[in-house]
Amino acid sequence: MNDSLTLTRRHFLRDTTIGLTGVALTQLLSNEAFAQRIQHHVPKAKQVLQIFCPGAASHIDLWDHKPALEKFDGTPMPGGEKEVTFQGKNGNLMKSPWPFAPAGQSGKQLTTLLPYLTKHADDIAFIHSMTSRSNTHGPANVFMATGSVREGFPAAGAWASYALGSLNDNLPTFVAITDVRGEPPNGKANWSNGFLPAQHQATMLAAHQPLRNLPRPANISADEEQATRAFLQRLNDAHAQRNPSEGELRARMASYELAARMQLAAPEVTDFKSESATIHKLYGTDDSNPLKSAYARNCLLARRLLERGVRYVSLYCASRASGIDGLLNWDAHRTLKTDYERHCPILDQPTAALLTDLKQRGMLKDVLVLWTTEFGRMPTHQEGTTGRDHNPDGFTVWMMGAGVKGGVSYGATDDFGRRAVENVSEVYDFYATVLHLLGLNHERLTYYHNGTNRRLTDVHGHVIREVLA
């Protein structure tokens, strides 16, 4: 008999040891206790909820009050009379169609178009001086999600998954909840694993997309299935130990193993029958507007995922442009007033309900909430329209929850909201702050790829300590 095929006692003991070592190592790597060891300092947050409004939600109509726009409405913008932006020439200054009013104990001036969300003003830290490196939706969306205007880089949630691991063995570490109206510009590049191992890519879920369950065959018992899976796991781990260079294969195997475990866990997460009538009313899941009710169910799904230990949830409100300005997203080039009076009620109640629900359940001590969009809008109207063009030079994002000082504002745009002029910030600063709250030093969280140590923050970024509690 060929010696290479002979199973000796020595071979048996060697292979068994390798297999058991692999099982132990796999368990260790997925364990929360191990994740704590790679954190650089004590974290303030364990999980992240990122609410993303693609299409460039207008800062000067929602969060960034500009009295000068009201005073000089209808007049040329000083120094910008001949300015040409993304879609062409701009007209005169245009005030917001909706009044602003003081909100909360802080008295923060916010739009009256979001009556539910503005009730959370005292818990929010606004960053009014954000800037982008692109004025085009696709690259700017990807930039806000990954820190790169080019596709192929890991999303912030993928970095969190890579660094911290899972809080739940049966659900993904990173989930992207897509809007019923479709994916954001550049689609899956917004939640890609990039060059990180495959298991760190987000799993797409949505309340409006039923999960397809693959039931166990009737002639296979639960114990038999479990034993088969355990045996296969031992074989896979032994193979991985003997072939350490096949990291990508192991990552894909881990993804498929998670998918199998999700067959049992995920259907329960998306089943809202256990939620009370009070919760459904709070979120607006039965609203007569189908777009609002669909987004409300996604908000409820986000809470249920976080409640069950998903590390990073990206929740999208609206989708890619469809050729009809403003119909599907916040890209209000032509009819700002009509578009936002359609979009804001969809965002407002469900998002505010999600924040309220997280707060009353005590989850905000562990969950960091982010609100982002890819850039802002111009303080002028586009020539021949009543809408606003793209503005990457100054806009607003915000955060609240674990480790965040509420009721504060950081940075500022000029009197008209055209450009960031005080504490000018970049996406790198934003994510340096997010990683800091997760217990990670953004300069030390790296992954070797194509001859260099890559970072979420590239070679930039500083922690915005003014928004930290």
Protein backbone atom coordinates (compact mmCIF):
# COMPACT_ATOMS: atom_id res chain seq x y z
CA MET A 1 0.00 0.00 0.00
CA ASN A 2 1.18 3.53 -0.74
CA ASP A 3 2.68 5.02 2.43
CA SER A 4 0.97 8.38 1.71
CA LEU A 5 -2.41 6.70 2.12
CA THR A 6 -1.56 4.73 5.25
CA LEU A 7 -3.35 5.99 8.39
CA THR A 8 -0.92 5.34 11.24
CA ARG A 9 -1.46 6.03 14.92
CA ARG A 10 0.98 8.91 14.61
CA HIS A 11 -0.94 10.39 11.64
CA PHE A 12 -4.21 10.00 13.51
CA LEU A 13 -2.97 11.80 16.61
CA ARG A 14 -1.33 14.52 14.52
CA ASP A 15 -4.44 15.18 12.43
CA THR A 16 -6.74 15.06 15.45
CA THR A 17 -4.57 17.58 17.27
CA ILE A 18 -4.53 19.87 14.25
CA GLY A 19 -8.30 19.63 13.90
CA LEU A 20 -8.98 20.34 17.56
CA THR A 21 -6.52 23.21 17.50
CA GLY A 22 -8.34 24.65 14.50
CA VAL A 23 -11.69 24.37 16.25
CA ALA A 24 -10.30 26.06 19.34
CA LEU A 25 -8.65 28.82 17.31
CA THR A 26 -11.80 29.48 15.30
CA GLN A 27 -13.82 29.76 18.49
CA LEU A 28 -11.22 32.03 20.04
CA LEU A 29 -11.11 34.34 17.06
CA SER A 30 -14.88 34.73 17.07
CA ASN A 31 -15.10 35.23 20.80
CA GLU A 32 -15.89 38.67 22.24
CA ALA A 33 -13.22 38.27 24.91
CA PHE A 34 -10.55 37.96 22.20
CA ALA A 35 -11.91 41.02 20.43
CA GLN A 36 -11.38 43.05 23.60
CA ARG A 37 -7.69 42.17 23.54
CA ILE A 38 -7.11 43.87 20.20
CA GLN A 39 -8.80 47.11 21.25
CA HIS A 40 -6.34 49.92 21.87
CA HIS A 41 -8.17 51.54 24.78
CA VAL A 42 -11.36 51.14 26.78
CA PRO A 43 -14.32 51.56 24.37
CA LYS A 44 -17.29 53.80 24.97
CA ALA A 45 -19.39 52.05 22.32
CA LYS A 46 -19.81 48.40 21.32
CA GLN A 47 -22.12 48.78 18.33
CA VAL A 48 -22.84 51.31 15.58
CA LEU A 49 -26.03 52.32 13.82
CA GLN A 50 -25.35 54.44 10.74
CA ILE A 51 -28.39 56.12 9.19
CA PHE A 52 -27.52 57.15 5.64
CA CYS A 53 -29.61 59.49 3.46
CA PRO A 54 -28.21 59.15 -0.09
CA GLY A 55 -28.80 61.97 -2.53
CA ALA A 56 -27.21 64.75 -0.46
CA ALA A 57 -29.69 65.96 2.14
CA SER A 58 -29.53 69.75 2.37
CA HIS A 59 -27.78 70.94 5.53
CA ILE A 60 -29.13 74.48 5.22
CA ASP A 61 -32.72 73.24 5.06
CA LEU A 62 -32.48 70.72 7.91
CA TRP A 63 -29.72 71.26 10.47
CA ASP A 64 -27.67 74.40 9.72
CA HIS A 65 -29.66 77.58 10.33
CA LYS A 66 -28.52 80.56 8.26
CA PRO A 67 -30.33 83.83 9.10
CA ALA A 68 -28.31 85.56 6.37
CA LEU A 69 -30.13 83.45 3.77
CA GLU A 70 -33.41 84.87 4.99
CA LYS A 71 -32.06 88.42 5.05
CA PHE A 72 -30.51 88.30 1.58
CA ASP A 73 -32.99 85.95 -0.08
CA GLY A 74 -33.27 86.64 -3.82
CA THR A 75 -29.99 88.54 -4.11
CA PRO A 76 -26.71 87.40 -5.69
CA MET A 77 -24.34 85.50 -3.40
CA PRO A 78 -21.34 87.76 -2.74
CA GLY A 79 -18.38 86.44 -4.72
CA GLY A 80 -20.45 83.70 -6.32
CA GLU A 81 -22.42 85.59 -8.94
CA LYS A 82 -20.89 83.63 -11.82
CA GLU A 83 -20.26 80.35 -10.04
CA VAL A 84 -20.83 77.15 -12.01
CA THR A 85 -21.36 73.97 -9.99
CA PHE A 86 -22.26 70.36 -10.77
CA GLN A 87 -25.28 70.99 -13.00
CA GLY A 88 -24.37 74.44 -14.27
CA LYS A 89 -25.00 78.07 -13.36
CA ASN A 90 -26.55 79.16 -10.09
CA GLY A 91 -29.14 81.82 -9.49
CA ASN A 92 -29.58 84.02 -6.45
CA LEU A 93 -29.54 83.10 -2.78
CA MET A 94 -32.61 81.12 -1.71
CA LYS A 95 -33.79 80.91 1.88
CA SER A 96 -35.14 77.67 3.25
CA PRO A 97 -38.85 77.19 2.44
CA TRP A 98 -39.42 76.19 6.07
CA PRO A 99 -38.80 78.17 9.25
CA PHE A 100 -36.28 77.08 11.86
CA ALA A 101 -37.12 77.01 15.58
CA PRO A 102 -35.23 76.39 18.83
CA ALA A 103 -35.29 72.72 19.90
CA GLY A 104 -34.70 71.14 23.30
CA GLN A 105 -33.03 72.66 26.34
CA SER A 106 -30.03 73.57 24.20
CA GLY A 107 -32.21 75.80 22.01
CA LYS A 108 -30.55 74.46 18.87
CA GLN A 109 -32.13 76.04 15.78
CA LEU A 110 -33.45 73.23 13.58
CA THR A 111 -35.97 72.94 10.78
CA THR A 112 -39.65 72.66 11.63
CA LEU A 113 -39.93 70.11 8.82
CA LEU A 114 -38.67 67.35 11.16
CA PRO A 115 -40.84 67.75 14.29
CA TYR A 116 -40.09 64.25 15.65
CA LEU A 117 -36.34 64.19 15.11
CA THR A 118 -35.75 67.66 16.51
CA LYS A 119 -37.02 66.41 19.89
CA HIS A 120 -33.68 64.59 20.17
CA ALA A 121 -31.64 67.79 19.76
CA ASP A 122 -30.20 67.61 23.27
CA ASP A 123 -28.75 64.14 22.59
CA ILE A 124 -27.12 65.00 19.25
CA ALA A 125 -23.63 66.30 18.50
CA PHE A 126 -23.78 68.15 15.16
CA ILE A 127 -20.70 68.45 12.97
CA HIS A 128 -21.43 71.41 10.69
CA SER A 129 -18.07 71.59 8.91
CA MET A 130 -17.93 68.29 7.04
CA THR A 131 -16.44 68.27 3.53
CA SER A 132 -16.22 65.72 0.73
CA ARG A 133 -13.65 65.01 -2.00
CA SER A 134 -16.28 64.47 -4.69
CA ASN A 135 -19.33 66.36 -5.94
CA THR A 136 -20.75 63.29 -7.71
CA HIS A 137 -23.19 61.00 -5.91
CA GLY A 138 -21.58 57.63 -6.58
CA PRO A 139 -17.99 58.43 -5.57
CA ALA A 140 -19.18 60.68 -2.73
CA ASN A 141 -21.43 57.94 -1.31
CA VAL A 142 -18.55 55.48 -1.44
CA PHE A 143 -16.23 58.08 0.10
CA MET A 144 -18.59 58.64 3.02
CA ALA A 145 -18.94 54.88 3.51
CA THR A 146 -15.32 53.78 3.00
CA GLY A 147 -12.97 56.77 3.12
CA SER A 148 -12.11 56.37 -0.58
CA VAL A 149 -13.77 57.85 -3.66
CA ARG A 150 -12.77 54.70 -5.56
CA GLU A 151 -14.57 51.40 -5.22
CA GLY A 152 -12.77 48.38 -3.79
CA PHE A 153 -12.10 49.69 -0.29
CA PRO A 154 -13.67 48.34 2.93
CA ALA A 155 -16.66 50.11 4.44
CA ALA A 156 -16.42 51.38 8.01
CA GLY A 157 -18.63 48.49 9.11
CA ALA A 158 -16.25 46.01 7.50
CA TRP A 159 -13.35 47.54 9.43
CA ALA A 160 -15.34 47.24 12.67
CA SER A 161 -16.10 43.61 11.85
CA TYR A 162 -12.43 42.90 11.11
CA ALA A 163 -11.18 44.58 14.28
CA LEU A 164 -13.80 43.59 16.82
CA GLY A 165 -15.49 40.42 15.61
CA SER A 166 -19.01 39.35 16.37
CA LEU A 167 -21.29 39.76 19.36
CA ASN A 168 -23.58 37.03 18.02
CA ASP A 169 -22.53 33.73 16.43
CA ASN A 170 -25.78 33.30 14.46
CA LEU A 171 -26.17 36.72 12.87
CA PRO A 172 -23.81 38.78 10.70
CA THR A 173 -21.38 41.22 12.26
CA PHE A 174 -22.23 43.88 9.65
CA VAL A 175 -25.70 44.36 8.10
CA ALA A 176 -26.85 46.82 5.42
CA ILE A 177 -30.60 47.49 5.48
CA THR A 178 -31.57 48.73 2.04
CA ASP A 179 -34.50 50.98 1.25
CA VAL A 180 -37.60 49.65 -0.50
CA ARG A 181 -36.83 52.18 -3.25
CA GLY A 182 -33.54 50.48 -4.11
CA GLU A 183 -29.83 50.61 -3.34
CA PRO A 184 -27.84 53.85 -2.92
CA PRO A 185 -25.57 55.15 -5.71
CA ASN A 186 -22.79 52.62 -6.46
CA GLY A 187 -24.78 49.97 -4.61
CA LYS A 188 -22.86 47.25 -2.82
CA ALA A 189 -19.59 49.19 -2.94
CA ASN A 190 -21.02 51.13 0.03
CA TRP A 191 -20.85 48.07 2.28
CA SER A 192 -18.05 46.11 0.63
CA ASN A 193 -15.31 44.23 2.47
CA GLY A 194 -12.88 45.60 -0.12
CA PHE A 195 -9.51 43.92 0.40
CA LEU A 196 -10.47 42.58 3.84
CA PRO A 197 -11.47 38.89 4.10
CA ALA A 198 -14.85 38.09 2.57
CA GLN A 199 -16.74 37.50 5.83
CA HIS A 200 -16.47 41.21 6.67
CA GLN A 201 -18.73 42.33 3.81
CA ALA A 202 -22.18 43.38 5.00
CA THR A 203 -25.13 41.06 4.68
CA MET A 204 -28.06 42.78 2.97
CA LEU A 205 -31.37 42.59 4.82
CA ALA A 206 -34.62 44.50 4.64
CA ALA A 207 -38.04 44.09 6.22
CA HIS A 208 -39.66 44.12 2.76
CA GLN A 209 -37.48 41.26 1.47
CA PRO A 210 -38.63 37.90 2.89
CA LEU A 211 -35.90 35.50 3.93
CA ARG A 212 -35.81 32.22 2.09
CA ASN A 213 -35.56 29.45 4.62
CA LEU A 214 -34.18 26.06 3.56
CA PRO A 215 -35.77 23.51 5.90
CA ARG A 216 -33.96 20.37 7.01
CA PRO A 217 -35.08 17.25 5.08
CA ALA A 218 -37.70 15.27 6.98
CA ASN A 219 -35.53 12.12 7.07
CA ILE A 220 -32.62 13.93 8.76
CA SER A 221 -32.84 14.51 12.50
CA ALA A 222 -31.57 17.65 14.19
CA ASP A 223 -28.85 15.63 15.95
CA GLU A 224 -27.71 14.10 12.67
CA GLU A 225 -27.52 17.50 11.02
CA GLN A 226 -25.56 18.92 13.95
CA ALA A 227 -23.13 16.00 13.93
CA THR A 228 -22.61 16.36 10.19
CA ARG A 229 -21.92 20.07 10.51
CA ALA A 230 -19.48 19.47 13.38
CA PHE A 231 -17.59 16.83 11.37
CA LEU A 232 -17.42 19.09 8.33
CA GLN A 233 -16.17 21.92 10.54
CA ARG A 234 -13.34 19.72 11.83
CA LEU A 235 -12.32 18.78 8.30
CA ASN A 236 -12.42 22.41 7.18
CA ASP A 237 -10.37 23.59 10.14
CA ALA A 238 -7.79 20.88 9.61
CA HIS A 239 -7.51 21.87 5.95
CA ALA A 240 -7.12 25.53 6.93
CA GLN A 241 -4.31 24.65 9.34
CA ARG A 242 -2.44 22.71 6.65
CA ASN A 243 -2.99 25.45 4.05
CA PRO A 244 -2.60 28.79 5.82
CA SER A 245 -2.17 30.64 2.51
CA GLU A 246 -5.80 29.94 1.57
CA GLY A 247 -7.16 32.76 3.74
CA GLU A 248 -9.71 33.91 1.17
CA LEU A 249 -11.12 30.38 0.89
CA ARG A 250 -11.48 30.19 4.68
CA ALA A 251 -13.20 33.56 4.69
CA ARG A 252 -15.72 32.39 2.11
CA MET A 253 -16.30 29.20 4.06
CA ALA A 254 -16.99 31.27 7.16
CA SER A 255 -19.53 33.31 5.19
CA TYR A 256 -21.36 30.18 4.06
CA GLU A 257 -21.30 28.77 7.59
CA LEU A 258 -22.84 31.97 8.88
CA ALA A 259 -25.49 31.81 6.17
CA ALA A 260 -26.44 28.34 7.36
CA ARG A 261 -26.74 29.49 10.98
CA MET A 262 -28.82 32.48 9.85
CA GLN A 263 -31.46 30.09 8.49
CA LEU A 264 -32.53 29.61 12.09
CA ALA A 265 -31.77 33.02 13.59
CA ALA A 266 -32.72 35.56 10.92
CA PRO A 267 -36.39 34.60 10.39
CA GLU A 268 -37.04 35.32 14.06
CA VAL A 269 -35.39 38.73 13.78
CA THR A 270 -37.61 39.77 10.87
CA ASP A 271 -40.82 38.47 12.48
CA PHE A 272 -42.43 41.50 14.13
CA LYS A 273 -45.43 39.66 15.60
CA SER A 274 -43.92 39.81 19.08
CA GLU A 275 -43.77 43.62 18.97
CA SER A 276 -46.55 45.44 20.79
CA ALA A 277 -49.16 47.63 19.12
CA THR A 278 -47.57 50.56 20.95
CA ILE A 279 -44.21 49.93 19.25
CA HIS A 280 -45.81 49.58 15.82
CA LYS A 281 -47.64 52.87 16.35
CA LEU A 282 -44.47 54.56 17.59
CA TYR A 283 -42.56 53.62 14.43
CA GLY A 284 -45.47 54.02 12.00
CA THR A 285 -45.18 50.54 10.51
CA ASP A 286 -48.83 50.64 9.37
CA ASP A 287 -48.73 54.15 7.92
CA SER A 288 -50.87 54.73 4.84
CA ASN A 289 -47.78 55.94 2.94
CA PRO A 290 -46.17 52.67 1.74
CA LEU A 291 -42.70 54.27 1.52
CA LYS A 292 -42.95 55.48 5.11
CA SER A 293 -44.30 52.19 6.48
CA ALA A 294 -41.57 50.25 4.66
CA TYR A 295 -38.84 52.49 6.09
CA ALA A 296 -40.49 52.25 9.52
CA ARG A 297 -40.26 48.47 9.40
CA ASN A 298 -36.60 48.77 8.44
CA CYS A 299 -36.05 51.01 11.47
CA LEU A 300 -37.69 48.41 13.68
CA LEU A 301 -35.53 45.73 12.06
CA ALA A 302 -32.43 47.81 12.87
CA ARG A 303 -33.36 47.89 16.56
CA ARG A 304 -33.99 44.14 16.61
CA LEU A 305 -30.63 43.45 14.96
CA LEU A 306 -28.78 45.67 17.42
CA GLU A 307 -30.69 44.10 20.27
CA ARG A 308 -29.40 40.68 19.18
CA GLY A 309 -25.78 41.75 18.96
CA VAL A 310 -25.13 42.82 15.37
CA ARG A 311 -22.00 44.94 15.57
CA TYR A 312 -22.63 47.48 12.76
CA VAL A 313 -25.95 48.32 11.07
CA SER A 314 -26.13 50.63 8.04
CA LEU A 315 -29.72 51.82 7.56
CA TYR A 316 -30.56 53.57 4.28
CA CYS A 317 -33.38 56.07 3.78
CA ALA A 318 -33.94 56.57 0.01
CA SER A 319 -32.01 55.20 -2.94
CA ARG A 320 -30.18 55.93 -6.15
CA ALA A 321 -31.35 58.62 -8.56
CA SER A 322 -33.75 57.37 -11.22
CA GLY A 323 -33.67 60.18 -13.73
CA ILE A 324 -36.63 61.93 -12.10
CA ASP A 325 -35.17 64.59 -9.83
CA GLY A 326 -35.89 64.00 -6.18
CA LEU A 327 -38.39 61.17 -6.69
CA LEU A 328 -36.33 58.49 -5.00
CA ASN A 329 -33.74 60.35 -2.96
CA TRP A 330 -32.70 63.69 -1.45
CA ASP A 331 -31.26 65.02 -4.73
CA ALA A 332 -33.53 68.07 -5.00
CA HIS A 333 -32.16 69.87 -8.05
CA ARG A 334 -35.41 71.32 -9.35
CA THR A 335 -38.23 71.32 -6.82
CA LEU A 336 -36.72 71.40 -3.33
CA LYS A 337 -39.94 72.22 -1.47
CA THR A 338 -42.03 69.51 -3.13
CA ASP A 339 -39.28 66.89 -2.82
CA TYR A 340 -38.49 67.47 0.85
CA GLU A 341 -42.12 67.67 1.87
CA ARG A 342 -42.33 64.15 0.41
CA HIS A 343 -39.08 62.79 1.91
CA CYS A 344 -38.93 64.33 5.37
CA PRO A 345 -42.09 62.67 6.75
CA ILE A 346 -40.70 59.31 5.60
CA LEU A 347 -37.46 59.92 7.52
CA ASP A 348 -38.81 61.80 10.51
CA GLN A 349 -41.17 59.69 12.62
CA PRO A 350 -39.58 56.24 12.07
CA THR A 351 -36.02 57.48 12.70
CA ALA A 352 -37.06 59.42 15.79
CA ALA A 353 -38.95 56.35 17.02
CA LEU A 354 -35.82 54.25 16.58
CA LEU A 355 -33.79 56.72 18.64
CA THR A 356 -36.50 56.86 21.30
CA ASP A 357 -36.75 53.08 21.42
CA LEU A 358 -32.99 52.62 21.76
CA LYS A 359 -32.91 55.22 24.52
CA GLN A 360 -35.79 53.85 26.56
CA ARG A 361 -34.32 50.33 26.38
CA GLY A 362 -30.99 51.60 27.69
CA MET A 363 -29.22 50.60 24.49
CA LEU A 364 -27.63 53.98 23.81
CA LYS A 365 -25.03 53.27 26.48
CA ASP A 366 -23.55 50.76 24.02
CA VAL A 367 -24.83 51.92 20.61
CA LEU A 368 -23.24 54.82 18.73
CA VAL A 369 -25.70 56.41 16.27
CA LEU A 370 -24.45 58.21 13.15
CA TRP A 371 -26.42 60.24 10.62
CA THR A 372 -24.67 60.80 7.30
CA THR A 373 -25.18 61.96 3.73
CA GLU A 374 -22.61 62.31 0.95
CA PHE A 375 -22.48 66.14 0.66
CA GLY A 376 -24.67 69.20 1.08
CA ARG A 377 -26.54 71.61 -1.18
CA MET A 378 -25.86 75.12 -2.49
CA PRO A 379 -27.37 78.16 -0.73
CA THR A 380 -28.45 79.43 -4.15
CA HIS A 381 -31.06 77.98 -6.45
CA GLN A 382 -30.07 76.39 -9.72
CA GLU A 383 -30.67 78.72 -12.62
CA GLY A 384 -34.22 78.29 -13.86
CA THR A 385 -35.31 76.05 -10.96
CA THR A 386 -36.39 76.18 -7.32
CA GLY A 387 -33.88 73.49 -6.29
CA ARG A 388 -30.28 73.42 -5.10
CA ASP A 389 -27.15 71.98 -6.72
CA HIS A 390 -24.42 69.82 -5.12
CA ASN A 391 -22.12 71.29 -2.49
CA PRO A 392 -19.19 69.18 -1.21
CA ASP A 393 -17.47 72.15 0.46
CA GLY A 394 -19.51 72.26 3.66
CA PHE A 395 -22.37 70.21 5.11
CA THR A 396 -23.67 68.55 8.27
CA VAL A 397 -23.43 65.07 9.77
CA TRP A 398 -24.19 64.12 13.35
CA MET A 399 -23.75 61.48 16.02
CA MET A 400 -25.35 60.55 19.34
CA GLY A 401 -25.41 57.74 21.86
CA ALA A 402 -22.51 55.89 23.45
CA GLY A 403 -19.64 58.21 24.36
CA VAL A 404 -21.10 61.28 22.62
CA LYS A 405 -21.72 64.66 24.24
CA GLY A 406 -25.25 65.69 23.32
CA GLY A 407 -26.53 69.18 22.62
CA VAL A 408 -23.30 70.47 21.07
CA SER A 409 -22.30 71.79 17.65
CA TYR A 410 -18.81 71.51 16.19
CA GLY A 411 -17.47 73.53 13.29
CA ALA A 412 -19.36 75.94 11.08
CA THR A 413 -19.99 76.95 7.50
CA ASP A 414 -19.95 80.58 6.38
CA ASP A 415 -22.95 82.89 6.76
CA PHE A 416 -24.70 81.37 3.74
CA GLY A 417 -23.71 77.72 4.28
CA ARG A 418 -21.54 77.64 1.15
CA ARG A 419 -18.22 76.50 2.65
CA ALA A 420 -16.90 75.08 5.91
CA VAL A 421 -14.83 77.80 7.55
CA GLU A 422 -14.45 76.78 11.21
CA ASN A 423 -12.85 73.50 12.32
CA VAL A 424 -13.04 72.19 8.76
CA SER A 425 -13.56 68.40 8.90
CA GLU A 426 -13.17 65.44 6.59
CA VAL A 427 -14.60 61.94 6.49
CA TYR A 428 -11.28 60.77 7.94
CA ASP A 429 -11.85 62.83 11.09
CA PHE A 430 -15.37 61.49 11.39
CA TYR A 431 -14.25 57.85 11.27
CA ALA A 432 -11.21 58.50 13.47
CA THR A 433 -13.77 59.59 16.07
CA VAL A 434 -16.03 56.58 15.44
CA LEU A 435 -13.12 54.15 15.80
CA HIS A 436 -11.96 55.95 18.94
CA LEU A 437 -15.38 55.43 20.52
CA LEU A 438 -15.13 51.73 19.61
CA GLY A 439 -11.83 51.51 21.47
CA LEU A 440 -9.65 51.61 18.35
CA ASN A 441 -6.80 53.91 17.37
CA HIS A 442 -7.40 54.76 13.71
CA GLU A 443 -3.65 54.98 13.05
CA ARG A 444 -3.03 51.47 14.42
CA LEU A 445 -5.98 49.69 12.79
CA THR A 446 -4.30 48.55 9.56
CA TYR A 447 -4.40 45.77 6.97
CA TYR A 448 -1.48 44.98 4.69
CA HIS A 449 -2.57 45.14 1.04
CA ASN A 450 -0.65 45.76 -2.19
CA GLY A 451 2.55 46.64 -0.42
CA THR A 452 1.19 49.06 2.16
CA ASN A 453 -0.63 49.09 5.48
CA ARG A 454 -4.10 50.36 4.61
CA ARG A 455 -6.32 52.30 7.01
CA LEU A 456 -9.93 53.41 7.05
CA THR A 457 -8.58 56.94 7.50
CA ASP A 458 -5.82 56.56 4.87
CA VAL A 459 -2.95 58.82 6.07
CA HIS A 460 -5.26 61.46 7.52
CA GLY A 461 -7.69 62.05 10.33
CA HIS A 462 -7.89 63.21 13.91
CA VAL A 463 -10.37 62.49 16.68
CA ILE A 464 -12.96 65.24 17.11
CA ARG A 465 -12.72 65.34 20.89
CA GLU A 466 -15.14 68.24 21.23
CA VAL A 467 -18.06 65.87 20.59
CA LEU A 468 -16.93 63.25 23.12
CA ALA A 469 -18.65 62.96 26.49
